Amino acid sequence: MNGIITPPERRHLEAQEQLQLLFSYCPELAHVHELIRQFATMVDQRDATGLPG
C-alpha cells in the first residue's frame, strides 16, 4: 500500500478508502500520519516556522 506515502491530492479514491479503513482500526496510526503530512508540507514549502525552537 503506497497510498500512505502519496500526498492526499494525488491518491486514488480506492487508496483513500483503504487508508480510512486502516485508520479506523488504529487511531494512533491516523495521528502519526497527520503529523507526517504536516512535516511533509513544511518540507515541500521550505517553511520551518512550525518546528519548535
Protein backbone atom coordinates (compact mmCIF):
# COMPACT_ATOMS: atom_id res chain seq x y z
CA MET A 1 0.00 0.00 0.00
CA ASN A 2 1.83 3.08 -1.18
CA GLY A 3 -1.20 5.31 -0.57
CA ILE A 4 0.12 6.16 2.87
CA ILE A 5 3.13 7.94 1.37
CA THR A 6 1.27 9.54 -1.52
CA PRO A 7 0.13 13.13 -0.97
CA PRO A 8 -3.64 13.19 -0.38
CA GLU A 9 -4.32 15.23 -3.52
CA ARG A 10 -2.65 12.55 -5.65
CA ARG A 11 -4.30 9.49 -4.07
CA HIS A 12 -6.81 7.40 -5.91
CA LEU A 13 -10.20 7.03 -4.26
CA GLU A 14 -9.56 3.35 -3.54
CA ALA A 15 -6.29 4.13 -1.73
CA GLN A 16 -8.02 6.84 0.31
CA GLU A 17 -10.78 4.42 1.31
CA GLN A 18 -8.22 1.79 2.32
CA LEU A 19 -6.37 4.31 4.45
CA GLN A 20 -9.55 5.42 6.19
CA LEU A 21 -10.36 1.79 6.99
CA LEU A 22 -6.84 1.24 8.33
CA PHE A 23 -7.03 4.42 10.40
CA SER A 24 -10.38 3.32 11.85
CA TYR A 25 -8.64 0.25 13.26
CA CYS A 26 -5.61 2.19 14.51
CA PRO A 27 -6.26 5.79 15.58
CA GLU A 28 -2.61 6.13 16.62
CA LEU A 29 -1.55 5.47 13.04
CA ALA A 30 -4.01 8.11 11.84
CA HIS A 31 -2.42 10.62 14.23
CA VAL A 32 1.12 9.73 13.15
CA HIS A 33 0.06 10.01 9.52
CA GLU A 34 -1.32 13.50 10.11
CA LEU A 35 1.91 14.59 11.79
CA ILE A 36 3.95 13.21 8.90
CA ARG A 37 1.75 15.03 6.37
CA GLN A 38 2.25 18.28 8.30
CA PHE A 39 6.01 17.75 8.26
CA ALA A 40 5.99 16.90 4.54
CA THR A 41 4.09 20.12 3.86
CA MET A 42 6.69 22.12 5.78
CA VAL A 43 9.48 20.47 3.80
CA ASP A 44 7.70 20.97 0.47
CA GLN A 45 7.13 24.64 1.24
CA ARG A 46 10.56 25.10 2.85
CA ASP A 47 8.84 26.61 5.87
CA ALA A 48 10.34 25.68 9.24
CA THR A 49 8.16 28.04 11.30
CA GLY A 50 6.13 25.07 12.56
CA LEU A 51 9.17 23.50 14.20
CA PRO A 52 9.84 24.13 17.89
CA GLY A 53 12.81 26.23 18.87
